[in-house]
Amino acid sequence: MNVLRRPLSSISTLTCCKPSNQRPRIYRWLSVSEAATALRPFYFTVHPDLFGQHPRERSINEDSLKKLHQYIFALRKQERVSPTNLTFFAKRDTDNFSLNHVKVHLASPSIRDTVATVLTSCQLPLDYINTLSDVPTTTKRRVYHGPDFGDIFAGRKGGEAFYRKVRKLNLISWLKTNSKISRKNTKESQEYEKDVQDITKRLNKLVGVRAVKWHTNWGPRRYTACLTSLEKVSENHPEMVKKYLAGRDVVISDRNGVSLSGEVCLNHTDVPQVWLMRLTAVPAYDAVLERLPYMELELSRLLCHIKIRRRERHHIVMAEEYELLLNKILNTLRRNQDLVRRGFKGRDLSYLEMVVEGSSAPLTLTNLGQYLIPVSMPGSMIIEFIKNTQHQAEELLRDSISLRMIEDEVIEQCRDKLGLCDLEKDLNISPAQMTQCCERLMDRSSDIATNVEGISIRVTQYYSVTDDGLVCIPWNWSDEDS
């Protein structure tokens, strides 16, 4: 499998001064993403999820992995570290699940040597780590942002360009301007926060609502107004509202009905009288929610026990719609069981993951190794696609495991170093992209921290400031002026 990594020109080095007749010693600082990629074979043998039947070994591996990550992060920050002894139980035989007891002694101040020590201790190959050159390179990091469409489409008409080059935004300059807007929006949003909390508490006491959420592009002013309307309805019809909302989560959104997660959705554009009418249909969805797990189990069985996942989304998926999607793909695969038997020959696909999508979605394999299966696709094409890409999907799933293990720690470290109130990402941002983004933010912390301290950042594909003060930045942001 080809492994994508940063070009050598993007890797910073530190050269120690030596007499002119000696070769300079070069310290190469691996990024956390590169370390995770190099440690991938190691994660596949010691990952705690592999030790469900061995709770003691699972606990020891969890603790040792945490200490290993802390050691690597300390080296990444160029902090002094003390020698550390770690113990792991490694899964060696995929058929008989035999365990090897491995002890690792960490004492090197180099991330590269640390990774090599871990792999060598477990008798794992150093193929990837050996591909990383020690050639001196520039200390300035550069990130590929894709083709420059301004240059590609540049043309001249009458001596002037009729396609203008799109100017790339500089993150540091953009933050200097928009951090002020973010703080202003945050302050205005906080003025409504107390009202929201007070109304939610009164709704809980009055009709037993467990929680109230907001899921639209409208700002906090609109949210507060909707909550006030819901409170008035509850005061005027307490018994009726309590009958349908007690113990449930309510989401003020652009939809009506019950979500896949069991939340009661009320459309913020409807008047309260319409809400009352919609609430009477809520109990009918309980039967739908109970059927869904059994339908997912049947779908898994029809595809050699492949795992069915419910992907997190930015939009709300309604329970009734999801049931229709499952029904459609179940009928499709029931008609194609001969193809399943011939294609997979009884092989167990429980190590793969699949997500059922709407009819307009593409048939694809995500960078996390999950199959996105549109219900409009013929069963023969679904089976053929999974058959031809199952090994690639397994590799991607394994890669995501190794990167996810350190992603949360990188996010926490970046949040603390920049003094952020919160740091999150969009669902379409992969762990590798998020890790790279956080590392670059920390490298430029001296230029960024004063502008982002106390604000919330979401890593996305674009620049934006929301009504509640959330700052959105692209994962592959640039710090250069175009």
Protein backbone atom coordinates (compact mmCIF):
# COMPACT_ATOMS: atom_id res chain seq x y z
CA MET A 1 0.00 0.00 0.00
CA ASN A 2 1.35 3.40 -0.93
CA VAL A 3 1.61 5.65 2.10
CA LEU A 4 1.07 9.36 1.60
CA ARG A 5 3.35 11.59 3.64
CA ARG A 6 4.68 15.10 3.59
CA PRO A 7 7.44 15.80 1.07
CA LEU A 8 10.89 16.05 2.58
CA SER A 9 10.97 19.76 1.85
CA SER A 10 8.31 20.23 4.52
CA ILE A 11 10.27 18.63 7.37
CA SER A 12 12.08 20.76 9.88
CA THR A 13 15.55 19.84 11.10
CA LEU A 14 17.91 21.04 13.76
CA THR A 15 21.65 21.07 12.99
CA CYS A 16 24.12 21.18 15.87
CA CYS A 17 27.29 23.21 15.43
CA LYS A 18 30.35 21.03 14.84
CA PRO A 19 33.94 21.66 13.84
CA SER A 20 34.34 22.11 10.10
CA ASN A 21 36.15 18.78 9.71
CA GLN A 22 33.19 16.85 11.12
CA ARG A 23 29.89 16.07 9.51
CA PRO A 24 27.02 18.06 11.12
CA ARG A 25 24.64 15.97 13.18
CA ILE A 26 21.05 16.34 12.02
CA TYR A 27 18.01 15.76 14.24
CA ARG A 28 14.89 15.06 12.23
CA TRP A 29 11.63 15.90 14.02
CA LEU A 30 8.94 13.51 12.85
CA SER A 31 5.41 14.83 12.95
CA VAL A 32 2.82 13.03 15.04
CA SER A 33 1.12 11.87 11.83
CA GLU A 34 4.35 10.32 10.56
CA ALA A 35 4.95 8.64 13.91
CA ALA A 36 1.41 7.19 13.83
CA THR A 37 1.94 5.89 10.29
CA ALA A 38 5.24 4.29 11.28
CA LEU A 39 3.63 2.69 14.34
CA ARG A 40 0.70 1.28 12.37
CA PRO A 41 1.91 -2.38 12.46
CA PHE A 42 2.44 -1.99 16.22
CA TYR A 43 -1.10 -0.67 16.82
CA PHE A 44 -2.54 -3.65 14.93
CA THR A 45 -1.00 -6.05 17.44
CA VAL A 46 -1.58 -4.20 20.75
CA HIS A 47 -4.78 -2.21 20.19
CA PRO A 48 -7.04 -2.64 23.28
CA ASP A 49 -10.06 -3.47 21.09
CA LEU A 50 -8.36 -6.76 20.21
CA PHE A 51 -8.40 -7.87 23.84
CA GLY A 52 -12.10 -7.96 24.67
CA GLN A 53 -11.74 -11.47 26.17
CA HIS A 54 -8.60 -10.49 28.09
CA PRO A 55 -9.52 -7.57 30.40
CA ARG A 56 -6.20 -7.56 32.31
CA GLU A 57 -4.08 -7.40 29.14
CA ARG A 58 -6.45 -4.81 27.66
CA SER A 59 -6.02 -2.55 30.69
CA ILE A 60 -2.22 -2.88 30.62
CA ASN A 61 -2.09 -2.03 26.90
CA GLU A 62 -4.37 1.00 27.35
CA ASP A 63 -2.13 2.36 30.11
CA SER A 64 1.10 1.69 28.17
CA LEU A 65 -0.24 3.27 24.97
CA LYS A 66 -1.19 6.37 26.91
CA LYS A 67 2.34 6.62 28.33
CA LEU A 68 3.86 6.06 24.87
CA HIS A 69 1.80 8.89 23.40
CA GLN A 70 2.73 11.20 26.27
CA TYR A 71 6.40 10.41 25.65
CA ILE A 72 6.12 11.16 21.92
CA PHE A 73 4.20 14.40 22.53
CA ALA A 74 6.82 15.53 25.03
CA LEU A 75 9.53 14.93 22.42
CA ARG A 76 7.47 16.76 19.81
CA LYS A 77 7.39 19.79 22.14
CA GLN A 78 11.17 19.35 22.63
CA GLU A 79 10.74 18.82 26.36
CA ARG A 80 13.13 16.83 28.54
CA VAL A 81 11.87 13.31 29.20
CA SER A 82 12.87 10.63 31.66
CA PRO A 83 13.57 7.04 30.57
CA THR A 84 10.37 5.00 30.57
CA ASN A 85 9.67 1.27 30.73
CA LEU A 86 6.49 0.02 29.05
CA THR A 87 4.79 -3.36 28.98
CA PHE A 88 2.57 -4.62 26.16
CA PHE A 89 0.72 -7.78 25.28
CA ALA A 90 0.93 -8.30 21.51
CA LYS A 91 -1.45 -10.37 19.42
CA ARG A 92 0.64 -12.45 17.06
CA ASP A 93 -1.38 -15.32 15.62
CA THR A 94 -4.53 -14.13 13.85
CA ASP A 95 -6.06 -17.61 14.01
CA ASN A 96 -5.28 -18.83 17.52
CA PHE A 97 -4.90 -15.43 19.24
CA SER A 98 -1.63 -16.19 21.00
CA LEU A 99 -0.22 -13.40 23.20
CA ASN A 100 3.38 -12.28 23.50
CA HIS A 101 4.64 -10.33 26.50
CA VAL A 102 6.76 -7.39 25.28
CA LYS A 103 8.82 -4.94 27.31
CA VAL A 104 9.93 -1.64 25.76
CA HIS A 105 12.58 0.69 27.20
CA LEU A 106 12.35 4.30 25.97
CA ALA A 107 15.33 6.58 26.55
CA SER A 108 15.99 8.38 23.25
CA PRO A 109 15.38 12.13 22.78
CA SER A 110 14.42 11.46 19.13
CA ILE A 111 10.91 10.58 17.97
CA ARG A 112 12.35 8.59 15.11
CA ASP A 113 14.57 6.48 17.40
CA THR A 114 11.66 6.04 19.83
CA VAL A 115 9.40 4.69 17.09
CA ALA A 116 12.18 2.41 15.84
CA THR A 117 12.73 1.08 19.38
CA VAL A 118 9.04 0.22 19.79
CA LEU A 119 8.89 -1.58 16.44
CA THR A 120 12.14 -3.46 17.02
CA SER A 121 11.03 -4.58 20.48
CA CYS A 122 7.97 -6.19 18.90
CA GLN A 123 10.01 -7.64 16.01
CA LEU A 124 8.09 -5.52 13.50
CA PRO A 125 9.52 -4.17 10.22
CA LEU A 126 11.06 -0.70 9.91
CA ASP A 127 10.10 -0.30 6.25
CA TYR A 128 8.32 3.03 6.57
CA ILE A 129 10.73 4.60 9.04
CA ASN A 130 13.61 3.71 6.70
CA THR A 131 11.99 5.65 3.86
CA LEU A 132 12.32 8.90 5.83
CA SER A 133 15.55 10.55 4.75
CA ASP A 134 18.03 12.34 7.01
CA VAL A 135 18.95 14.84 4.29
CA PRO A 136 19.10 18.42 5.67
CA THR A 137 16.06 20.41 4.59
CA THR A 138 14.58 23.84 5.09
CA THR A 139 12.89 24.56 8.39
CA LYS A 140 9.89 26.17 6.75
CA ARG A 141 6.88 23.93 6.40
CA ARG A 142 4.79 24.09 3.28
CA VAL A 143 1.42 22.51 2.64
CA TYR A 144 -0.03 21.55 -0.72
CA HIS A 145 -3.33 23.33 -1.24
CA GLY A 146 -4.31 21.79 -4.55
CA PRO A 147 -4.02 23.29 -8.05
CA ASP A 148 -4.05 27.03 -8.47
CA PHE A 149 -7.16 27.46 -10.60
CA GLY A 150 -6.36 31.12 -11.04
CA ASP A 151 -3.29 30.14 -13.06
CA ILE A 152 -4.99 27.24 -14.80
CA PHE A 153 -7.82 29.35 -16.17
CA ALA A 154 -5.80 32.52 -16.74
CA GLY A 155 -6.46 33.91 -20.17
CA ARG A 156 -6.22 37.21 -21.94
CA LYS A 157 -8.81 39.12 -23.84
CA GLY A 158 -8.00 42.52 -25.23
CA GLY A 159 -4.71 42.49 -23.33
CA GLU A 160 -6.35 41.87 -19.91
CA ALA A 161 -7.00 38.72 -17.95
CA PHE A 162 -10.68 37.78 -18.06
CA TYR A 163 -10.15 35.12 -15.40
CA ARG A 164 -8.70 36.66 -12.28
CA LYS A 165 -6.47 34.72 -9.98
CA VAL A 166 -8.29 33.88 -6.76
CA ARG A 167 -6.44 35.30 -3.79
CA LYS A 168 -5.53 32.79 -1.10
CA LEU A 169 -6.36 33.90 2.41
CA ASN A 170 -3.60 34.20 4.96
CA LEU A 171 -4.74 32.58 8.23
CA ILE A 172 -2.85 34.96 10.53
CA SER A 173 -4.15 38.10 8.77
CA TRP A 174 -7.66 36.66 8.60
CA LEU A 175 -7.65 35.85 12.32
CA LYS A 176 -6.51 39.36 13.26
CA THR A 177 -9.65 40.75 11.64
CA ASN A 178 -12.20 38.06 12.37
CA SER A 179 -11.24 37.19 15.94
CA LYS A 180 -12.78 40.55 16.91
CA ILE A 181 -16.00 39.57 15.12
CA SER A 182 -15.92 36.18 16.85
CA ARG A 183 -15.58 37.72 20.31
CA LYS A 184 -18.39 40.18 19.56
CA ASN A 185 -20.72 37.38 18.39
CA THR A 186 -19.74 35.21 21.35
CA LYS A 187 -20.54 37.99 23.79
CA GLU A 188 -23.96 38.58 22.19
CA SER A 189 -24.64 34.83 22.21
CA GLN A 190 -23.74 34.56 25.90
CA GLU A 191 -26.38 37.18 26.70
CA TYR A 192 -28.99 34.65 25.54
CA GLU A 193 -27.31 31.62 27.10
CA LYS A 194 -28.69 32.24 30.59
CA ASP A 195 -32.21 32.64 29.18
CA VAL A 196 -31.84 29.34 27.30
CA GLN A 197 -30.67 27.53 30.44
CA ASP A 198 -33.48 29.00 32.56
CA ILE A 199 -36.20 28.10 30.04
CA THR A 200 -34.80 24.58 29.63
CA LYS A 201 -34.90 24.05 33.41
CA ARG A 202 -38.50 25.26 33.57
CA LEU A 203 -39.50 22.95 30.69
CA ASN A 204 -37.87 20.04 32.49
CA LYS A 205 -39.80 20.81 35.66
CA LEU A 206 -43.09 21.54 33.90
CA VAL A 207 -43.37 18.76 31.30
CA GLY A 208 -40.31 16.55 31.89
CA VAL A 209 -38.31 17.51 28.77
CA ARG A 210 -34.86 15.93 29.20
CA ALA A 211 -32.91 18.35 26.98
CA VAL A 212 -33.48 20.95 24.26
CA LYS A 213 -31.11 21.41 21.31
CA TRP A 214 -30.79 23.84 18.42
CA HIS A 215 -30.04 22.54 14.91
CA THR A 216 -30.47 25.32 12.35
CA ASN A 217 -28.38 28.10 10.82
CA TRP A 218 -30.34 30.76 12.68
CA GLY A 219 -28.69 32.58 15.57
CA PRO A 220 -29.28 32.48 19.34
CA ARG A 221 -31.97 35.18 19.20
CA ARG A 222 -34.19 32.90 17.11
CA TYR A 223 -33.43 29.93 19.37
CA THR A 224 -34.51 31.85 22.47
CA ALA A 225 -37.73 32.95 20.76
CA CYS A 226 -38.59 29.32 19.85
CA LEU A 227 -37.91 28.14 23.40
CA THR A 228 -40.17 30.88 24.74
CA SER A 229 -42.96 29.70 22.39
CA LEU A 230 -42.48 26.10 23.49
CA GLU A 231 -42.69 27.17 27.12
CA LYS A 232 -45.96 29.01 26.51
CA VAL A 233 -47.43 25.98 24.76
CA SER A 234 -46.37 23.82 27.71
CA GLU A 235 -47.99 26.22 30.17
CA ASN A 236 -51.26 26.27 28.23
CA HIS A 237 -51.37 22.50 27.57
CA PRO A 238 -49.18 20.92 30.28
CA GLU A 239 -50.79 17.47 30.35
CA MET A 240 -50.76 17.05 26.60
CA VAL A 241 -47.16 18.23 26.14
CA LYS A 242 -45.99 16.15 29.08
CA LYS A 243 -47.63 13.05 27.59
CA TYR A 244 -45.54 13.30 24.41
CA LEU A 245 -42.30 14.97 25.55
CA ALA A 246 -41.62 13.62 29.05
CA GLY A 247 -38.18 11.97 29.16
CA ARG A 248 -37.37 12.95 25.58
CA ASP A 249 -34.86 15.25 23.88
CA VAL A 250 -36.32 18.06 21.78
CA VAL A 251 -34.54 19.56 18.77
CA ILE A 252 -35.61 22.87 17.26
CA SER A 253 -34.69 22.29 13.62
CA ASP A 254 -35.89 22.54 10.02
CA ARG A 255 -37.77 19.24 10.27
CA ASN A 256 -40.78 17.72 12.03
CA GLY A 257 -40.96 14.20 13.41
CA VAL A 258 -38.60 11.91 15.33
CA SER A 259 -34.92 11.57 14.45
CA LEU A 260 -32.88 8.40 14.09
CA SER A 261 -31.58 9.07 17.62
CA GLY A 262 -35.10 9.32 19.06
CA GLU A 263 -35.14 13.12 19.36
CA VAL A 264 -38.44 14.94 18.84
CA CYS A 265 -37.89 17.51 16.07
CA LEU A 266 -39.98 20.69 15.87
CA ASN A 267 -39.72 22.97 12.87
CA HIS A 268 -38.73 26.47 13.98
CA THR A 269 -40.84 28.02 11.17
CA ASP A 270 -44.10 26.46 12.42
CA VAL A 271 -46.51 28.16 14.81
CA PRO A 272 -47.09 26.54 18.24
CA GLN A 273 -50.49 25.17 17.19
CA VAL A 274 -48.78 23.10 14.50
CA TRP A 275 -46.30 21.81 17.09
CA LEU A 276 -49.20 20.51 19.19
CA MET A 277 -50.61 18.65 16.20
CA ARG A 278 -47.20 17.14 15.37
CA LEU A 279 -46.67 15.94 18.93
CA THR A 280 -49.65 13.58 18.71
CA ALA A 281 -47.74 11.49 16.13
CA VAL A 282 -44.63 11.04 18.32
CA PRO A 283 -45.64 7.69 19.96
CA ALA A 284 -46.05 6.08 16.52
CA TYR A 285 -42.31 6.44 15.93
CA ASP A 286 -41.39 4.31 18.96
CA ALA A 287 -42.21 1.16 16.99
CA VAL A 288 -40.04 2.39 14.10
CA LEU A 289 -37.07 2.97 16.42
CA GLU A 290 -37.48 -0.55 17.83
CA ARG A 291 -37.50 -2.11 14.35
CA LEU A 292 -34.35 -0.38 13.07
CA PRO A 293 -31.73 -2.48 14.96
CA TYR A 294 -33.35 -5.71 13.74
CA MET A 295 -33.38 -4.43 10.15
CA GLU A 296 -29.69 -3.48 10.43
CA LEU A 297 -28.94 -6.96 11.80
CA GLU A 298 -30.72 -8.56 8.84
CA LEU A 299 -28.83 -6.34 6.40
CA SER A 300 -25.57 -7.38 8.04
CA ARG A 301 -26.50 -11.05 7.67
CA LEU A 302 -27.29 -10.63 3.97
CA LEU A 303 -23.80 -9.19 3.39
CA CYS A 304 -21.72 -11.80 5.26
CA HIS A 305 -22.04 -10.05 8.65
CA ILE A 306 -20.54 -6.74 7.57
CA LYS A 307 -20.93 -4.15 10.36
CA ILE A 308 -23.72 -1.59 9.79
CA ARG A 309 -22.80 1.83 11.16
CA ARG A 310 -24.90 4.96 11.57
CA ARG A 311 -22.65 7.74 10.37
CA GLU A 312 -22.67 11.05 12.21
CA ARG A 313 -24.00 13.81 9.99
CA HIS A 314 -24.40 17.55 9.96
CA HIS A 315 -28.07 17.19 9.11
CA ILE A 316 -30.70 15.30 11.09
CA VAL A 317 -31.76 11.90 9.74
CA MET A 318 -35.39 11.08 10.46
CA ALA A 319 -36.28 7.60 11.73
CA GLU A 320 -39.03 7.07 9.17
CA GLU A 321 -36.73 7.99 6.28
CA TYR A 322 -34.00 5.67 7.52
CA GLU A 323 -36.48 2.79 7.76
CA LEU A 324 -37.48 3.32 4.13
CA LEU A 325 -33.81 3.29 3.09
CA LEU A 326 -33.18 0.04 4.97
CA ASN A 327 -36.29 -1.57 3.47
CA LYS A 328 -35.17 -0.70 -0.04
CA ILE A 329 -31.62 -2.03 0.27
CA LEU A 330 -32.83 -5.14 2.12
CA ASN A 331 -35.15 -6.00 -0.78
CA THR A 332 -32.31 -5.38 -3.25
CA LEU A 333 -29.87 -7.69 -1.47
CA ARG A 334 -32.43 -10.45 -0.86
CA ARG A 335 -32.75 -10.73 -4.65
CA ASN A 336 -28.97 -11.01 -5.02
CA GLN A 337 -28.01 -13.67 -2.47
CA ASP A 338 -26.66 -15.97 -5.20
CA LEU A 339 -24.18 -13.23 -6.16
CA VAL A 340 -23.19 -12.80 -2.50
CA ARG A 341 -22.47 -16.53 -2.14
CA ARG A 342 -20.48 -16.70 -5.38
CA GLY A 343 -18.63 -13.43 -4.71
CA PHE A 344 -17.56 -13.99 -1.10
CA LYS A 345 -17.77 -17.82 -0.87
CA GLY A 346 -18.98 -17.73 2.73
CA ARG A 347 -16.20 -15.40 3.92
CA ASP A 348 -16.89 -13.43 7.11
CA LEU A 349 -16.88 -9.65 6.41
CA SER A 350 -17.45 -8.58 10.02
CA TYR A 351 -14.16 -6.65 9.94
CA LEU A 352 -15.64 -4.22 7.38
CA GLU A 353 -18.07 -1.35 7.99
CA MET A 354 -20.97 -0.07 5.89
CA VAL A 355 -23.23 2.99 6.07
CA VAL A 356 -26.64 3.15 4.33
CA GLU A 357 -27.06 6.43 2.44
CA GLY A 358 -29.81 8.14 0.49
CA SER A 359 -30.42 7.55 -3.20
CA SER A 360 -28.42 10.62 -4.30
CA ALA A 361 -25.20 9.58 -2.55
CA PRO A 362 -22.29 8.04 -4.50
CA LEU A 363 -21.14 4.45 -4.03
CA THR A 364 -17.81 5.06 -2.37
CA LEU A 365 -15.22 4.00 0.19
CA THR A 366 -14.38 6.77 2.66
CA ASN A 367 -10.90 7.62 3.92
CA LEU A 368 -11.92 5.98 7.22
CA GLY A 369 -12.56 2.66 5.47
CA GLN A 370 -16.38 2.78 5.61
CA TYR A 371 -18.54 1.86 2.61
CA LEU A 372 -21.21 4.45 1.78
CA ILE A 373 -23.94 2.48 0.01
CA PRO A 374 -26.75 4.39 -1.78
CA VAL A 375 -30.03 2.48 -1.78
CA SER A 376 -30.63 3.28 -5.46
CA MET A 377 -27.61 1.22 -6.53
CA PRO A 378 -28.27 -2.26 -8.05
CA GLY A 379 -27.32 -5.10 -5.75
CA SER A 380 -24.88 -6.54 -8.28
CA MET A 381 -22.88 -3.30 -8.33
CA ILE A 382 -22.81 -3.10 -4.51
CA ILE A 383 -21.52 -6.67 -4.21
CA GLU A 384 -18.93 -6.22 -6.96
CA PHE A 385 -17.67 -2.95 -5.45
CA ILE A 386 -17.22 -4.46 -1.98
CA LYS A 387 -15.57 -7.56 -3.44
CA ASN A 388 -13.02 -5.52 -5.42
CA THR A 389 -12.14 -3.08 -2.60
CA GLN A 390 -12.38 -5.19 0.57
CA HIS A 391 -8.60 -5.31 1.10
CA GLN A 392 -8.30 -1.56 0.57
CA ALA A 393 -11.15 -0.99 3.05
CA GLU A 394 -9.39 -3.16 5.64
CA GLU A 395 -6.18 -1.12 5.25
CA LEU A 396 -8.06 2.16 5.59
CA LEU A 397 -9.86 0.96 8.72
CA ARG A 398 -6.55 -0.02 10.28
CA ASP A 399 -5.02 3.33 9.36
CA SER A 400 -7.92 5.16 10.96
CA ILE A 401 -7.44 3.17 14.18
CA SER A 402 -3.81 4.26 14.53
CA LEU A 403 -4.58 7.91 13.73
CA ARG A 404 -7.67 8.11 15.93
CA MET A 405 -5.63 6.88 18.88
CA ILE A 406 -3.57 10.08 18.85
CA GLU A 407 -6.03 12.54 17.26
CA ASP A 408 -7.78 13.37 20.54
CA GLU A 409 -4.47 13.93 22.28
CA VAL A 410 -3.24 16.26 19.52
CA ILE A 411 -6.48 18.22 19.73
CA GLU A 412 -6.20 18.56 23.50
CA GLN A 413 -2.57 19.64 23.26
CA CYS A 414 -3.37 22.22 20.57
CA ARG A 415 -6.34 23.58 22.54
CA ASP A 416 -4.21 24.04 25.64
CA LYS A 417 -1.25 25.60 23.84
CA LEU A 418 -3.41 28.16 22.00
CA GLY A 419 -5.71 28.82 24.97
CA LEU A 420 -8.83 27.91 22.99
CA CYS A 421 -12.26 27.60 24.56
CA ASP A 422 -12.94 24.62 22.26
CA LEU A 423 -11.45 22.88 19.21
CA GLU A 424 -13.49 20.56 17.00
CA LYS A 425 -13.72 19.42 13.38
CA ASP A 426 -16.24 18.74 10.65
CA LEU A 427 -17.13 15.11 10.01
CA ASN A 428 -15.53 15.21 6.55
CA ILE A 429 -12.12 16.07 8.03
CA SER A 430 -10.04 12.91 8.43
CA PRO A 431 -7.90 12.19 11.52
CA ALA A 432 -4.77 12.67 9.40
CA GLN A 433 -5.93 16.09 8.20
CA MET A 434 -6.94 17.16 11.71
CA THR A 435 -3.64 16.02 13.18
CA GLN A 436 -1.65 17.86 10.53
CA CYS A 437 -3.71 21.02 11.03
CA CYS A 438 -3.25 20.98 14.80
CA GLU A 439 0.49 20.44 14.53
CA ARG A 440 0.86 23.40 12.18
CA LEU A 441 -1.25 25.58 14.47
CA MET A 442 1.02 24.71 17.38
CA ASP A 443 4.11 25.45 15.31
CA ARG A 444 2.75 28.97 14.67
CA SER A 445 1.36 29.44 18.19
CA SER A 446 3.51 32.52 18.82
CA ASP A 447 1.79 34.29 15.89
CA ILE A 448 -1.72 32.90 16.44
CA ALA A 449 -2.31 32.55 20.18
CA THR A 450 -3.06 36.22 20.92
CA ASN A 451 -5.80 36.25 18.27
CA VAL A 452 -7.51 32.98 19.20
CA GLU A 453 -7.22 32.85 22.98
CA GLY A 454 -10.62 32.20 24.53
CA ILE A 455 -12.46 31.51 21.26
CA SER A 456 -13.80 28.26 19.74
CA ILE A 457 -12.43 26.88 16.46
CA ARG A 458 -13.87 24.31 14.08
CA VAL A 459 -11.57 22.80 11.45
CA THR A 460 -13.44 22.65 8.14
CA GLN A 461 -12.83 23.30 4.43
CA TYR A 462 -13.51 27.05 4.55
CA TYR A 463 -13.22 30.31 6.51
CA SER A 464 -16.25 31.60 8.42
CA VAL A 465 -17.50 33.10 11.68
CA THR A 466 -20.91 31.91 12.89
CA ASP A 467 -23.56 33.93 14.71
CA ASP A 468 -22.53 32.41 18.04
CA GLY A 469 -18.85 33.26 17.54
CA LEU A 470 -17.51 29.90 16.33
CA VAL A 471 -14.48 30.41 14.04
CA CYS A 472 -14.21 28.01 11.07
CA ILE A 473 -10.84 27.56 9.37
CA PRO A 474 -9.74 25.15 6.59
CA TRP A 475 -7.56 22.24 7.66
CA ASN A 476 -4.97 23.12 4.99
CA TRP A 477 -4.80 26.83 5.85
CA SER A 478 -2.04 28.97 4.41
CA ASP A 479 0.21 31.42 6.22
CA GLU A 480 1.55 32.99 3.05
CA ASP A 481 0.28 36.01 1.14
CA SER A 482 -0.69 35.30 -2.45
